[in-house]
Protein backbone atom coordinates (compact mmCIF):
# COMPACT_ATOMS: atom_id res chain seq x y z
CA MET A 1 0.00 0.00 0.00
CA VAL A 2 1.27 3.45 -0.90
CA LEU A 3 0.05 6.81 0.40
CA LEU A 4 0.22 9.59 -2.15
CA PRO A 5 -0.82 13.24 -1.85
CA LEU A 6 -3.93 14.11 -3.84
CA ASP A 7 -1.91 15.55 -6.67
CA LYS A 8 -2.22 14.93 -10.41
CA ALA A 9 1.56 14.70 -10.72
CA PHE A 10 1.47 11.57 -8.57
CA ILE A 11 -1.50 9.99 -10.34
CA GLU A 12 -0.30 10.33 -13.95
CA PRO A 13 2.61 7.85 -13.69
CA PHE A 14 0.10 5.14 -12.80
CA SER A 15 -2.36 5.88 -15.61
CA GLY A 16 -0.76 3.32 -17.93
CA MET A 17 -0.51 0.51 -15.39
CA ARG A 18 -2.27 -2.70 -16.34
CA CYS A 19 -3.35 -3.55 -12.82
CA ALA A 20 -6.27 -3.21 -10.46
CA LEU A 21 -6.20 -0.17 -8.18
CA ILE A 22 -8.26 0.18 -5.04
CA VAL A 23 -8.43 3.89 -4.26
CA VAL A 24 -9.43 5.15 -0.83
CA LYS A 25 -9.38 8.86 -0.08
CA LYS A 26 -8.49 9.83 3.44
CA ASN A 27 -7.85 13.40 4.53
CA LYS A 28 -5.52 14.82 1.84
CA SER A 29 -4.08 11.52 0.81
CA ILE A 30 -5.27 8.64 -1.33
CA VAL A 31 -4.40 5.05 -0.66
CA PHE A 32 -3.38 3.00 -3.73
CA MET A 33 -3.45 -0.77 -3.39
CA ALA A 34 -1.87 -2.18 -6.55
CA ASN A 35 -2.75 -5.77 -7.27
CA MET A 36 -0.03 -6.85 -9.70
CA LYS A 37 -1.38 -10.38 -9.94
CA SER A 38 -4.60 -9.11 -11.49
CA MET A 39 -2.75 -7.74 -14.50
CA ARG A 40 -3.75 -10.79 -16.49
CA GLN A 41 -5.54 -13.92 -15.37
CA THR A 42 -4.78 -16.11 -18.37
CA LYS A 43 -1.31 -17.45 -19.06
CA PRO A 44 -0.29 -17.19 -22.71
CA SER A 45 2.31 -19.32 -24.46
CA VAL A 46 5.68 -18.50 -26.02
CA GLY A 47 7.64 -20.30 -28.72
CA ILE A 48 11.41 -20.86 -28.48
CA LEU A 49 13.21 -21.83 -31.69
CA VAL A 50 16.77 -23.05 -31.23
CA ASN A 51 18.79 -23.83 -34.34
CA PRO A 52 21.26 -26.53 -33.22
CA ALA A 53 23.32 -26.05 -36.41
CA SER A 54 23.84 -22.29 -36.11
CA GLY A 55 27.32 -20.96 -35.41
CA ARG A 56 29.11 -24.01 -36.80
CA ASP A 57 29.66 -23.53 -40.55
CA LEU A 58 32.76 -23.35 -42.77
CA ARG A 59 33.65 -19.83 -41.67
CA ARG A 60 35.32 -21.35 -38.62
CA LEU A 61 37.97 -22.56 -41.06
CA VAL A 62 38.21 -19.77 -43.66
CA ALA A 63 37.76 -16.90 -41.18
CA LYS A 64 38.02 -16.53 -37.41
CA ALA A 65 34.41 -17.11 -36.43
CA SER A 66 33.84 -18.68 -33.03
CA VAL A 67 31.95 -21.92 -32.46
CA PHE A 68 28.66 -21.53 -30.61
CA GLN A 69 28.32 -24.74 -28.63
CA ASN A 70 24.91 -26.34 -28.15
CA THR A 71 25.64 -26.57 -24.43
CA GLU A 72 25.57 -22.78 -24.22
CA LYS A 73 22.37 -22.70 -26.25
CA CYS A 74 20.78 -24.98 -23.66
CA ASN A 75 21.98 -22.69 -20.87
CA MET A 76 20.42 -19.76 -22.70
CA VAL A 77 17.12 -21.63 -22.87
CA TYR A 78 17.17 -22.21 -19.10
CA ARG A 79 17.71 -18.49 -18.53
CA LEU A 80 14.87 -17.70 -20.92
CA LEU A 81 12.55 -20.08 -19.09
CA GLY A 82 13.39 -18.55 -15.72
CA ALA A 83 12.59 -15.04 -16.95
CA LEU A 84 9.40 -16.17 -18.71
CA GLY A 85 8.24 -17.90 -15.54
CA VAL A 86 8.74 -14.75 -13.48
CA MET A 87 6.66 -12.79 -15.98
CA GLY A 88 3.81 -15.31 -15.69
CA VAL A 89 4.05 -17.18 -19.01
CA GLY A 90 2.32 -20.54 -18.69
CA GLU A 91 3.56 -22.64 -21.61
CA VAL A 92 6.52 -22.80 -23.96
CA PHE A 93 6.64 -24.70 -27.25
CA MET A 94 10.01 -25.82 -28.61
CA MET A 95 11.31 -27.58 -31.72
CA PRO A 96 12.66 -31.13 -31.31
CA ASP A 97 16.01 -31.98 -32.89
CA VAL A 98 18.54 -34.77 -33.34
CA ALA A 99 21.53 -32.74 -32.15
CA GLY A 100 20.77 -33.23 -28.45
CA VAL A 101 19.47 -29.77 -27.54
CA ALA A 102 15.87 -30.88 -26.94
CA CYS A 103 16.99 -34.06 -25.15
CA HIS A 104 19.30 -32.12 -22.84
CA ILE A 105 16.62 -29.60 -21.93
CA ARG A 106 13.94 -32.24 -21.36
CA HIS A 107 16.21 -34.30 -19.12
CA SER A 108 17.40 -31.32 -17.08
CA LEU A 109 13.88 -30.02 -16.51
CA GLN A 110 12.64 -33.44 -15.42
CA HIS A 111 15.35 -33.62 -12.77
CA GLY A 112 15.13 -29.99 -11.66
CA ARG A 113 18.76 -29.26 -12.39
CA HIS A 114 18.19 -25.67 -13.44
CA GLY A 115 15.85 -24.26 -10.84
CA ASN A 116 12.44 -25.15 -9.54
CA PRO A 117 10.31 -26.45 -12.45
CA ASP A 118 7.21 -25.15 -10.67
CA LEU A 119 8.48 -21.60 -11.23
CA MET A 120 9.01 -22.13 -14.96
CA PRO A 121 6.54 -22.46 -17.81
CA ALA A 122 5.49 -25.94 -18.86
CA VAL A 123 7.73 -26.91 -21.80
CA HIS A 124 6.21 -28.86 -24.70
CA PHE A 125 8.23 -30.22 -27.59
CA LEU A 126 6.30 -30.08 -30.84
CA GLU A 127 5.16 -33.35 -32.35
CA MET A 128 6.68 -33.20 -35.82
CA PRO A 129 8.98 -35.22 -38.08
CA ILE A 130 12.64 -34.25 -37.85
CA GLU A 131 14.65 -34.00 -41.07
CA ASP A 132 17.69 -32.22 -39.62
CA SER A 133 17.33 -29.52 -42.29
CA PRO A 134 15.88 -26.02 -42.70
CA VAL A 135 12.49 -27.68 -43.19
CA ASP A 136 12.43 -28.36 -39.44
CA THR A 137 12.52 -24.63 -38.69
CA LEU A 138 9.73 -23.85 -41.17
CA ARG A 139 7.56 -26.63 -39.82
CA ALA A 140 8.15 -25.70 -36.19
CA ILE A 141 7.24 -22.05 -36.73
CA GLU A 142 4.06 -23.06 -38.54
CA LEU A 143 3.07 -25.22 -35.58
CA MET A 144 3.89 -22.52 -33.05
CA VAL A 145 1.79 -19.98 -34.93
CA SER A 146 -1.09 -22.46 -35.22
CA ARG A 147 -0.98 -22.97 -31.45
CA GLY A 148 -1.41 -19.26 -30.91
CA VAL A 149 1.89 -18.36 -29.26
CA SER A 150 2.08 -14.69 -28.33
CA VAL A 151 5.76 -14.27 -29.18
CA ILE A 152 8.59 -16.41 -30.55
CA VAL A 153 12.18 -16.27 -29.27
CA VAL A 154 14.58 -17.16 -32.08
CA MET A 155 18.12 -18.36 -31.38
CA GLY A 156 20.23 -18.45 -34.52
CA GLY A 157 22.00 -16.36 -37.13
CA ASP A 158 20.76 -14.35 -40.10
CA GLY A 159 19.84 -17.49 -42.02
CA THR A 160 17.74 -18.90 -39.18
CA HIS A 161 15.82 -15.66 -38.80
CA ARG A 162 15.21 -15.53 -42.55
CA LEU A 163 13.54 -18.94 -42.39
CA VAL A 164 11.47 -17.95 -39.36
CA ALA A 165 10.30 -14.76 -41.09
CA LYS A 166 8.74 -16.81 -43.87
CA LYS A 167 6.22 -18.38 -41.50
CA SER A 168 5.94 -16.11 -38.45
CA GLY A 169 3.43 -13.67 -39.95
CA ALA A 170 2.42 -11.02 -37.44
CA VAL A 171 3.71 -12.91 -34.38
CA PRO A 172 6.41 -10.76 -32.71
CA LEU A 173 9.93 -12.16 -32.64
CA VAL A 174 12.59 -11.73 -29.98
CA THR A 175 15.92 -12.23 -31.75
CA LEU A 176 19.01 -13.75 -30.12
CA SER A 177 22.26 -14.15 -31.99
CA THR A 178 23.84 -17.60 -31.90
CA GLY A 179 25.13 -17.68 -35.49
CA THR A 180 28.10 -16.48 -37.56
CA ASN A 181 27.20 -13.26 -39.35
CA ASN A 182 24.58 -11.68 -37.14
CA ALA A 183 23.50 -8.43 -38.73
CA PHE A 184 19.83 -9.11 -38.04
CA PRO A 185 19.58 -10.71 -34.56
CA GLU A 186 20.83 -8.99 -31.43
CA ILE A 187 23.61 -10.17 -29.16
CA ARG A 188 21.81 -9.96 -25.83
CA GLU A 189 21.72 -11.73 -22.49
CA ALA A 190 19.04 -14.43 -22.63
CA THR A 191 17.60 -13.43 -19.24
CA VAL A 192 16.83 -9.92 -20.46
CA ALA A 193 15.47 -11.27 -23.74
CA GLY A 194 13.20 -13.58 -21.76
CA LEU A 195 11.88 -10.66 -19.74
CA ALA A 196 11.11 -8.76 -22.95
CA ALA A 197 9.35 -11.77 -24.43
CA GLY A 198 7.34 -12.19 -21.25
CA LEU A 199 6.34 -8.54 -21.21
CA VAL A 200 4.97 -8.83 -24.73
CA ALA A 201 3.29 -12.18 -24.13
CA MET A 202 1.59 -10.98 -20.95
CA GLU A 203 0.52 -7.73 -22.63
CA LYS A 204 2.29 -5.63 -20.05
CA VAL A 205 3.65 -3.41 -22.81
CA ALA A 206 1.93 -2.24 -25.98
CA LEU A 207 3.18 -3.77 -29.23
CA SER A 208 3.00 -0.38 -30.92
CA ASP A 209 5.50 0.97 -28.36
CA VAL A 210 8.11 -1.80 -28.50
CA CYS A 211 7.87 -3.51 -31.90
CA LEU A 212 9.08 -2.68 -35.40
CA ARG A 213 8.00 -4.29 -38.65
CA ASN A 214 11.20 -4.80 -40.60
CA LYS A 215 11.93 -4.42 -44.28
CA ILE A 216 12.37 -7.47 -46.48
CA LEU A 217 13.81 -8.21 -49.93
CA HIS A 218 11.97 -10.46 -52.39
CA LEU A 219 13.69 -12.44 -55.14
CA ASP A 220 11.86 -13.39 -58.35
CA LYS A 221 13.29 -15.95 -60.76
CA ASN A 222 11.51 -16.36 -64.11
CA GLY A 223 8.27 -14.88 -62.77
CA VAL A 224 8.18 -16.98 -59.60
CA ILE A 225 9.01 -15.62 -56.14
CA LYS A 226 11.84 -17.88 -55.05
CA ASP A 227 12.86 -16.54 -51.66
CA VAL A 228 13.33 -13.58 -49.33
CA ALA A 229 16.14 -11.94 -47.40
CA LEU A 230 16.06 -9.86 -44.22
CA VAL A 231 19.43 -8.15 -44.60
CA ASP A 232 20.99 -8.62 -48.02
CA ILE A 233 20.86 -10.35 -51.40
CA CYS A 234 24.17 -10.77 -53.20
CA LEU A 235 24.89 -11.99 -56.72
CA THR A 236 28.09 -14.00 -57.05
CA SER A 237 29.94 -15.48 -60.02
CA VAL A 238 30.33 -18.84 -58.25
CA CYS A 239 28.21 -21.32 -60.19
CA TRP A 240 27.39 -23.74 -57.39
CA VAL A 241 25.91 -23.45 -53.91
CA GLY A 242 28.51 -25.70 -52.30
CA THR A 243 29.13 -24.93 -48.65
CA LYS A 244 26.96 -21.77 -48.97
CA ALA A 245 29.31 -19.49 -47.01
CA ILE A 246 30.89 -16.53 -48.82
CA TRP A 247 34.42 -15.38 -48.10
CA GLN A 248 35.94 -14.74 -51.57
CA VAL A 249 35.20 -11.09 -52.41
CA GLU A 250 36.38 -11.39 -56.00
CA CYS A 251 33.21 -13.34 -56.81
CA LEU A 252 30.83 -10.59 -55.60
CA LYS A 253 28.89 -8.78 -58.35
CA GLU A 254 25.86 -6.98 -56.92
CA LEU A 255 24.56 -6.33 -53.44
CA PHE A 256 21.06 -5.35 -52.26
CA VAL A 257 20.51 -4.39 -48.60
CA THR A 258 17.41 -3.61 -46.53
CA PHE A 259 19.56 -1.85 -43.94
CA ALA A 260 23.28 -1.38 -43.43
CA GLU A 261 24.90 -0.59 -40.10
CA SER A 262 28.46 0.58 -39.64
CA ASP A 263 29.08 -1.94 -36.85
CA ALA A 264 27.78 -4.98 -38.75
CA VAL A 265 29.74 -8.04 -39.82
CA GLY A 266 28.91 -9.64 -43.15
CA LEU A 267 28.17 -8.48 -46.67
CA SER A 268 25.95 -5.62 -45.49
CA SER A 269 29.02 -4.04 -43.87
CA ILE A 270 30.22 -3.13 -47.38
CA ALA A 271 27.32 -0.68 -47.61
CA GLY A 272 27.31 0.16 -43.90
CA LEU A 273 30.85 1.54 -43.99
CA VAL A 274 30.03 3.79 -46.96
CA ARG A 275 26.42 4.81 -46.48
CA PRO A 276 24.64 3.48 -43.38
CA VAL A 277 20.91 2.84 -43.67
CA SER A 278 18.80 2.28 -40.56
CA ARG A 279 16.16 -0.38 -40.12
CA CYS A 280 13.54 2.39 -39.94
CA SER A 281 14.52 4.10 -43.20
CA PRO A 282 11.90 3.65 -45.97
CA TYR A 283 14.51 2.55 -48.49
CA GLY A 284 17.39 0.16 -49.05
CA LEU A 285 20.49 0.24 -51.26
CA ARG A 286 21.74 -1.41 -54.45
CA LEU A 287 25.49 -1.60 -55.03
CA LYS A 288 27.42 -2.81 -58.07
CA LEU A 289 30.67 -4.37 -56.91
CA VAL A 290 33.99 -4.58 -58.77
CA PRO A 291 37.55 -5.62 -57.91
CA PRO A 292 39.46 -3.38 -55.47
CA GLY A 293 40.94 -0.29 -57.09
CA GLU A 294 38.23 -0.13 -59.73
CA GLY A 295 34.95 1.80 -59.75
CA MET A 296 34.36 4.97 -57.77
CA MET A 297 35.72 3.76 -54.41
CA THR A 298 37.19 0.84 -52.49
CA VAL A 299 36.06 -0.03 -48.99
CA THR A 300 37.70 -2.49 -46.60
CA ALA A 301 34.93 -4.31 -44.78
CA PRO A 302 34.55 -7.21 -42.30
CA ILE A 303 32.74 -9.67 -44.55
CA ALA A 304 33.12 -12.41 -41.93
CA PRO A 305 34.34 -12.49 -38.31
CA GLY A 306 38.03 -11.62 -38.37
CA LEU A 307 38.11 -11.39 -42.18
CA MET A 308 38.69 -7.87 -43.53
CA ALA A 309 38.68 -7.55 -47.31
CA PRO A 310 38.84 -4.67 -49.82
CA VAL A 311 35.84 -4.40 -52.15
CA GLY A 312 35.40 -1.99 -55.06
CA ILE A 313 32.09 -0.16 -55.56
CA ALA A 314 31.16 0.95 -59.10
CA SER A 315 27.76 2.47 -58.27
CA MET A 316 25.30 2.82 -55.44
CA LYS A 317 21.66 3.94 -55.36
CA GLU A 318 18.60 3.89 -53.14
CA ILE A 319 15.83 1.40 -53.79
CA ARG A 320 12.32 2.22 -52.65
CA ARG A 321 9.38 0.03 -51.75
CA MET A 322 8.05 -1.97 -54.72
CA GLU A 323 10.67 -0.62 -57.12
CA VAL A 324 11.49 -3.69 -59.21
CA GLN A 325 15.23 -4.07 -59.79
CA THR A 326 16.14 -6.09 -62.88
CA ILE A 327 19.39 -8.04 -62.68
CA GLU A 328 21.57 -8.59 -65.73
CA SER A 329 24.07 -11.35 -65.21
CA THR A 330 25.23 -14.42 -67.09
CA SER A 331 25.36 -17.17 -64.48
CA GLY A 332 26.23 -17.74 -60.85
CA THR A 333 24.59 -18.07 -57.47
CA ILE A 334 22.47 -15.82 -55.29
CA ALA A 335 23.32 -15.46 -51.60
CA LEU A 336 20.52 -14.70 -49.20
CA ASP A 337 21.61 -13.10 -45.93
CA GLY A 338 25.19 -14.20 -46.49
CA GLU A 339 24.67 -17.78 -47.71
CA ARG A 340 24.52 -19.02 -51.30
CA GLU A 341 21.10 -20.57 -51.85
CA ILE A 342 20.02 -20.30 -55.52
CA GLU A 343 21.84 -21.07 -58.75
CA PHE A 344 20.97 -19.30 -62.01
CA GLY A 345 22.03 -19.39 -65.65
CA GLU A 346 22.26 -16.96 -68.55
CA ASN A 347 18.66 -17.61 -69.62
CA ASP A 348 17.15 -16.91 -66.20
CA ARG A 349 15.37 -13.62 -65.50
CA LEU A 350 16.02 -12.23 -62.03
CA LYS A 351 14.22 -9.42 -60.21
CA VAL A 352 14.56 -8.00 -56.70
CA TRP A 353 12.33 -5.57 -54.85
CA LEU A 354 12.00 -4.14 -51.37
CA GLU A 355 8.93 -4.45 -49.15
CA THR A 356 8.13 -3.08 -45.70
CA ASN A 357 6.00 -6.01 -44.51
CA GLY A 358 8.78 -8.09 -43.00
CA PRO A 359 8.76 -9.77 -39.58
CA VAL A 360 7.67 -7.95 -36.43
CA ILE A 361 10.66 -7.60 -34.11
CA VAL A 362 10.58 -6.76 -30.39
CA ASN A 363 13.01 -4.04 -29.40
CA ILE A 364 14.30 -5.49 -26.14
CA SER A 365 15.54 -2.18 -24.73
CA LYS A 366 12.27 -0.41 -25.52
CA ALA A 367 10.27 -3.25 -23.96
CA LEU A 368 12.18 -2.96 -20.68
CA ASP A 369 12.02 0.85 -20.73
CA GLN A 370 8.26 0.74 -21.28
CA ALA A 371 7.88 -1.78 -18.47
CA VAL A 372 9.65 0.61 -16.13
CA LYS A 373 7.28 3.40 -17.12
CA ASN A 374 4.33 1.07 -16.52
CA ARG A 375 5.72 0.11 -13.04
CA VAL A 376 5.63 -3.56 -14.04
CA PHE A 377 8.53 -4.57 -11.81
CA VAL A 378 7.43 -2.52 -8.80
CA GLU A 379 5.62 -4.23 -5.93
CA PHE A 380 4.28 -1.79 -3.35
CA GLN A 381 4.73 -2.85 0.23
CA MET A 382 2.12 -2.46 2.97
CA GLN A 383 3.69 0.46 4.76
CA GLU A 384 2.75 4.03 5.52
CA HIS A 385 5.11 5.98 3.35
CA CYS A 386 5.25 7.57 -0.02
CA PHE A 387 7.89 7.16 -2.72
CA ASP A 388 8.30 10.09 -5.05
CA LEU A 389 8.47 8.27 -8.39
CA GLY A 390 9.61 11.41 -10.13
CA ASN A 391 12.93 12.04 -8.40
CA GLY A 392 13.48 8.84 -6.44
CA LYS A 393 13.28 10.56 -3.05
CA GLU A 394 11.48 8.75 -0.29
CA SER A 395 9.40 10.52 2.32
CA ALA A 396 7.22 9.02 5.00
CA HIS A 397 3.62 10.12 5.57
CA SER A 398 1.31 9.11 8.35
CA ILE A 399 -2.32 8.23 7.69
CA ASP A 400 -3.53 11.57 9.00
CA GLY A 401 -1.35 13.50 6.56
CA GLY A 402 1.41 14.39 9.03
CA ARG A 403 5.09 13.80 8.29
CA SER A 404 7.26 11.55 10.41
CA ASN A 405 10.98 12.03 10.80
């Protein structure tokens, strides 16, 4: 219970709180009894997608990328579950796998090795066939969406998030980086990410305040939409997909980006170190790439962890929403978010365009900031004093309005 003077300045900070308030006026004070448990009676569900193959590709050999062990991914899941449980989430749906992540988590939860299971959400592993391929991710997200999860936590790199975006629709995503080139997902502590996911799932923050719908690139081959990219599409002269990873800059021909940040690692860094484009900007960029020393400039960019390479830029221009970009090239492969995925020949017709209806992403920092404004983490004690929420100064008030020393 908190005693506050009958002053609008003290009432306004509580106007956005999603909780029950019992207000009793006495003398010149009003008594607020905040029932935080009444904020929501139902317990929504959250999806957690862990890619067991992320952070383990060829770039550990050709560059200096670190290996992201599945043991650490499991530890991250436990931290997520603890935070989700505190926020009141009732159920979590996860993807099964053959790499041991799901088995490790199931066994540990059954034996209570990572905290009291009663304080965590009930974890359900989806009933689905496992092919140990990207199809597993697509299928798992479809099932999570069909089960009505309020938010999905994604643990993977750019490629994993690209797959998730194909099926997630309007379900908000909390992104966690566990891959190689991670221009799209954030590198954040799983506990904090879990709190943000719980805030969204429990509707303790407004989606309009903490979420952003990202841009997305579409690729058309011979009149058929073949795929999408969240960060970049790159044309290369390599004629086969092979190991997918790109580290040879001499094969790069054209680059399309939805956004480009100066602190990114990967192909988008080529644009980010010349002309940064934010995720909120209504446009992307198209760059024609040439060997170093040719074109209008040469930029040295981190195209992979620990791998700096000079790249020549012949031209660069903005691309706007729904502006179809025709590609003229003989043959090669197309890399989506840093990985070669599609082969094409001289008779294929390729088109790229930008859209603004990409996946909905939770801004973790904004979610926590909004929760602070909504007093989500504050539990008022039954004592006769007032806390000035504006300047953090505490002053005691007696019931009759007098001040105690």
